[in-house]
Amino acid sequence: MTEAEIYSAITQALADAPRNQYTAELHLQMIKYADQLKSITAKEFSEGVGLKSSFGTEFSKMRNLTTRLKAAGLNTEQL
């Protein structure tokens, strides 16, 4: 999957998320694609998905959290 396809998939998932689940869905998508997006900056992520730059901090947090979740047995391909 290309970077543009990932951004498109995340944007669609966020559009489909119930209003009160938007942030949870955003975090889930960040974890799901963390490995494929490990070489981009938080700013690039925010711009690619069309979010405010402040969400870049969340992207960094979720990318770091993904490492720990995978060490505990999470298979991000099942998300």
N, C-alpha and C. Protein backbone atom coordinates (compact mmCIF):
# COMPACT_ATOMS: atom_id res chain seq x y z
N MET A 1 0.85 -1.17 0.00
CA MET A 1 0.00 0.00 0.00
C MET A 1 0.89 1.24 0.00
N THR A 2 0.59 2.19 -0.88
CA THR A 2 1.39 3.42 -0.93
C THR A 2 1.00 4.36 0.20
N GLU A 3 1.83 5.34 0.42
CA GLU A 3 1.55 6.34 1.45
C GLU A 3 0.23 7.06 1.16
N ALA A 4 0.01 7.42 -0.08
CA ALA A 4 -1.23 8.10 -0.46
C ALA A 4 -2.44 7.21 -0.23
N GLU A 5 -2.31 5.91 -0.49
CA GLU A 5 -3.42 4.98 -0.25
C GLU A 5 -3.71 4.84 1.24
N ILE A 6 -2.66 4.85 2.03
CA ILE A 6 -2.84 4.78 3.48
C ILE A 6 -3.57 6.03 3.98
N TYR A 7 -3.14 7.19 3.51
CA TYR A 7 -3.81 8.43 3.92
C TYR A 7 -5.28 8.40 3.52
N SER A 8 -5.56 7.91 2.34
CA SER A 8 -6.93 7.82 1.86
C SER A 8 -7.75 6.86 2.73
N ALA A 9 -7.17 5.73 3.08
CA ALA A 9 -7.86 4.75 3.92
C ALA A 9 -8.15 5.34 5.31
N ILE A 10 -7.19 6.05 5.86
CA ILE A 10 -7.38 6.67 7.18
C ILE A 10 -8.46 7.75 7.09
N THR A 11 -8.40 8.56 6.07
CA THR A 11 -9.40 9.63 5.90
C THR A 11 -10.79 9.03 5.79
N GLN A 12 -10.93 7.93 5.05
CA GLN A 12 -12.24 7.29 4.91
C GLN A 12 -12.71 6.69 6.23
N ALA A 13 -11.81 6.05 6.95
CA ALA A 13 -12.16 5.47 8.25
C ALA A 13 -12.64 6.55 9.21
N LEU A 14 -11.98 7.69 9.19
CA LEU A 14 -12.39 8.80 10.07
C LEU A 14 -13.74 9.36 9.64
N ALA A 15 -13.98 9.44 8.35
CA ALA A 15 -15.27 9.94 7.85
C ALA A 15 -16.41 9.00 8.24
N ASP A 16 -16.12 7.70 8.30
CA ASP A 16 -17.14 6.71 8.63
C ASP A 16 -17.34 6.52 10.13
N ALA A 17 -16.43 7.03 10.93
CA ALA A 17 -16.50 6.84 12.38
C ALA A 17 -17.64 7.67 12.98
N PRO A 18 -18.35 7.08 13.95
CA PRO A 18 -19.35 7.87 14.67
C PRO A 18 -18.69 9.08 15.33
N ARG A 19 -19.43 10.15 15.43
CA ARG A 19 -18.87 11.40 15.95
C ARG A 19 -18.17 11.21 17.30
N ASN A 20 -18.76 10.43 18.18
CA ASN A 20 -18.16 10.26 19.52
C ASN A 20 -17.03 9.23 19.53
N GLN A 21 -16.68 8.67 18.38
CA GLN A 21 -15.60 7.69 18.29
C GLN A 21 -14.46 8.16 17.38
N TYR A 22 -14.50 9.41 16.96
CA TYR A 22 -13.52 9.94 16.02
C TYR A 22 -12.08 9.80 16.53
N THR A 23 -11.84 10.22 17.75
CA THR A 23 -10.49 10.19 18.30
C THR A 23 -10.02 8.75 18.49
N ALA A 24 -10.89 7.88 18.96
CA ALA A 24 -10.53 6.47 19.12
C ALA A 24 -10.18 5.86 17.76
N GLU A 25 -10.97 6.17 16.74
CA GLU A 25 -10.69 5.66 15.40
C GLU A 25 -9.37 6.21 14.87
N LEU A 26 -9.10 7.47 15.12
CA LEU A 26 -7.84 8.07 14.70
C LEU A 26 -6.66 7.34 15.32
N HIS A 27 -6.74 7.08 16.62
CA HIS A 27 -5.66 6.37 17.31
C HIS A 27 -5.51 4.96 16.75
N LEU A 28 -6.61 4.28 16.51
CA LEU A 28 -6.56 2.93 15.96
C LEU A 28 -5.89 2.92 14.59
N GLN A 29 -6.25 3.86 13.75
CA GLN A 29 -5.65 3.94 12.41
C GLN A 29 -4.16 4.26 12.50
N MET A 30 -3.78 5.10 13.42
CA MET A 30 -2.36 5.43 13.60
C MET A 30 -1.57 4.18 14.00
N ILE A 31 -2.14 3.37 14.88
CA ILE A 31 -1.49 2.14 15.31
C ILE A 31 -1.44 1.15 14.15
N LYS A 32 -2.55 1.03 13.44
CA LYS A 32 -2.65 0.08 12.33
C LYS A 32 -1.57 0.32 11.28
N TYR A 33 -1.30 1.56 10.95
CA TYR A 33 -0.36 1.89 9.88
C TYR A 33 0.99 2.39 10.36
N ALA A 34 1.28 2.26 11.64
CA ALA A 34 2.52 2.80 12.21
C ALA A 34 3.77 2.25 11.51
N ASP A 35 3.77 0.97 11.21
CA ASP A 35 4.96 0.38 10.58
C ASP A 35 5.18 0.92 9.17
N GLN A 36 4.10 1.05 8.42
CA GLN A 36 4.23 1.55 7.05
C GLN A 36 4.60 3.03 7.00
N LEU A 37 4.30 3.76 8.07
CA LEU A 37 4.54 5.19 8.11
C LEU A 37 5.69 5.57 9.05
N LYS A 38 6.55 4.60 9.35
CA LYS A 38 7.62 4.87 10.33
C LYS A 38 8.66 5.86 9.85
N SER A 39 8.75 6.08 8.55
CA SER A 39 9.79 6.98 8.04
C SER A 39 9.29 8.41 7.80
N ILE A 40 8.04 8.68 8.12
CA ILE A 40 7.52 10.04 7.91
C ILE A 40 7.50 10.81 9.22
N THR A 41 7.43 12.12 9.11
CA THR A 41 7.34 12.95 10.31
C THR A 41 5.89 13.10 10.73
N ALA A 42 5.70 13.54 11.94
CA ALA A 42 4.35 13.78 12.45
C ALA A 42 3.66 14.86 11.62
N LYS A 43 4.42 15.85 11.21
CA LYS A 43 3.86 16.93 10.38
C LYS A 43 3.39 16.37 9.03
N GLU A 44 4.20 15.51 8.42
CA GLU A 44 3.81 14.91 7.15
C GLU A 44 2.54 14.08 7.29
N PHE A 45 2.42 13.37 8.41
CA PHE A 45 1.21 12.58 8.66
C PHE A 45 -0.01 13.49 8.72
N SER A 46 0.08 14.52 9.53
CA SER A 46 -1.05 15.44 9.68
C SER A 46 -1.46 16.05 8.35
N GLU A 47 -0.50 16.48 7.59
CA GLU A 47 -0.80 17.07 6.28
C GLU A 47 -1.39 16.03 5.33
N GLY A 48 -0.86 14.81 5.36
CA GLY A 48 -1.33 13.76 4.47
C GLY A 48 -2.77 13.36 4.72
N VAL A 49 -3.17 13.38 5.98
CA VAL A 49 -4.53 12.99 6.34
C VAL A 49 -5.46 14.21 6.36
N GLY A 50 -4.88 15.39 6.31
CA GLY A 50 -5.70 16.61 6.32
C GLY A 50 -6.13 17.03 7.71
N LEU A 51 -5.27 16.80 8.68
CA LEU A 51 -5.57 17.16 10.07
C LEU A 51 -4.75 18.37 10.49
N LYS A 52 -5.18 19.01 11.57
CA LYS A 52 -4.40 20.10 12.13
C LYS A 52 -3.05 19.55 12.58
N SER A 53 -2.04 20.39 12.54
CA SER A 53 -0.69 19.95 12.90
C SER A 53 -0.60 19.45 14.34
N SER A 54 -1.51 19.88 15.20
CA SER A 54 -1.49 19.43 16.60
C SER A 54 -1.71 17.93 16.72
N PHE A 55 -2.33 17.30 15.71
CA PHE A 55 -2.52 15.86 15.74
C PHE A 55 -1.22 15.11 15.49
N GLY A 56 -0.20 15.80 15.05
CA GLY A 56 1.10 15.17 14.86
C GLY A 56 1.65 14.60 16.15
N THR A 57 1.39 15.27 17.25
CA THR A 57 1.83 14.77 18.56
C THR A 57 1.18 13.43 18.85
N GLU A 58 -0.10 13.32 18.54
CA GLU A 58 -0.81 12.05 18.75
C GLU A 58 -0.20 10.95 17.89
N PHE A 59 0.16 11.29 16.66
CA PHE A 59 0.78 10.31 15.77
C PHE A 59 2.08 9.79 16.38
N SER A 60 2.89 10.68 16.90
CA SER A 60 4.16 10.27 17.54
C SER A 60 3.90 9.36 18.73
N LYS A 61 2.93 9.71 19.53
CA LYS A 61 2.58 8.89 20.70
C LYS A 61 2.13 7.50 20.28
N MET A 62 1.25 7.43 19.30
CA MET A 62 0.72 6.14 18.86
C MET A 62 1.79 5.29 18.20
N ARG A 63 2.70 5.91 17.49
CA ARG A 63 3.79 5.15 16.87
C ARG A 63 4.66 4.53 17.97
N ASN A 64 4.94 5.30 19.02
CA ASN A 64 5.72 4.77 20.14
C ASN A 64 4.96 3.68 20.88
N LEU A 65 3.69 3.87 21.06
CA LEU A 65 2.86 2.88 21.74
C LEU A 65 2.78 1.58 20.94
N THR A 66 2.77 1.68 19.63
CA THR A 66 2.68 0.50 18.78
C THR A 66 3.84 -0.45 19.05
N THR A 67 5.02 0.07 19.26
CA THR A 67 6.18 -0.77 19.55
C THR A 67 5.92 -1.61 20.79
N ARG A 68 5.37 -1.00 21.81
CA ARG A 68 5.10 -1.72 23.05
C ARG A 68 3.96 -2.71 22.88
N LEU A 69 2.93 -2.32 22.13
CA LEU A 69 1.80 -3.22 21.90
C LEU A 69 2.23 -4.45 21.10
N LYS A 70 3.06 -4.25 20.11
CA LYS A 70 3.55 -5.38 19.32
C LYS A 70 4.43 -6.31 20.16
N ALA A 71 5.22 -5.74 21.06
CA ALA A 71 6.04 -6.55 21.95
C ALA A 71 5.16 -7.40 22.88
N ALA A 72 3.96 -6.92 23.15
CA ALA A 72 3.02 -7.65 23.99
C ALA A 72 2.15 -8.62 23.19
N GLY A 73 2.36 -8.66 21.87
CA GLY A 73 1.65 -9.65 21.07
C GLY A 73 0.62 -9.12 20.10
N LEU A 74 0.44 -7.83 20.00
CA LEU A 74 -0.55 -7.27 19.05
C LEU A 74 -0.09 -7.50 17.62
N ASN A 75 -0.99 -7.98 16.80
CA ASN A 75 -0.74 -8.12 15.37
C ASN A 75 -1.51 -6.99 14.68
N THR A 76 -0.81 -5.95 14.27
CA THR A 76 -1.47 -4.78 13.69
C THR A 76 -2.14 -5.11 12.36
N GLU A 77 -1.79 -6.19 11.73
CA GLU A 77 -2.42 -6.58 10.47
C GLU A 77 -3.85 -7.07 10.68
N GLN A 78 -4.22 -7.36 11.92
CA GLN A 78 -5.57 -7.81 12.22
C GLN A 78 -6.50 -6.66 12.59
N LEU A 79 -5.98 -5.46 12.63
CA LEU A 79 -6.82 -4.30 12.98
C LEU A 79 -7.64 -3.86 11.79
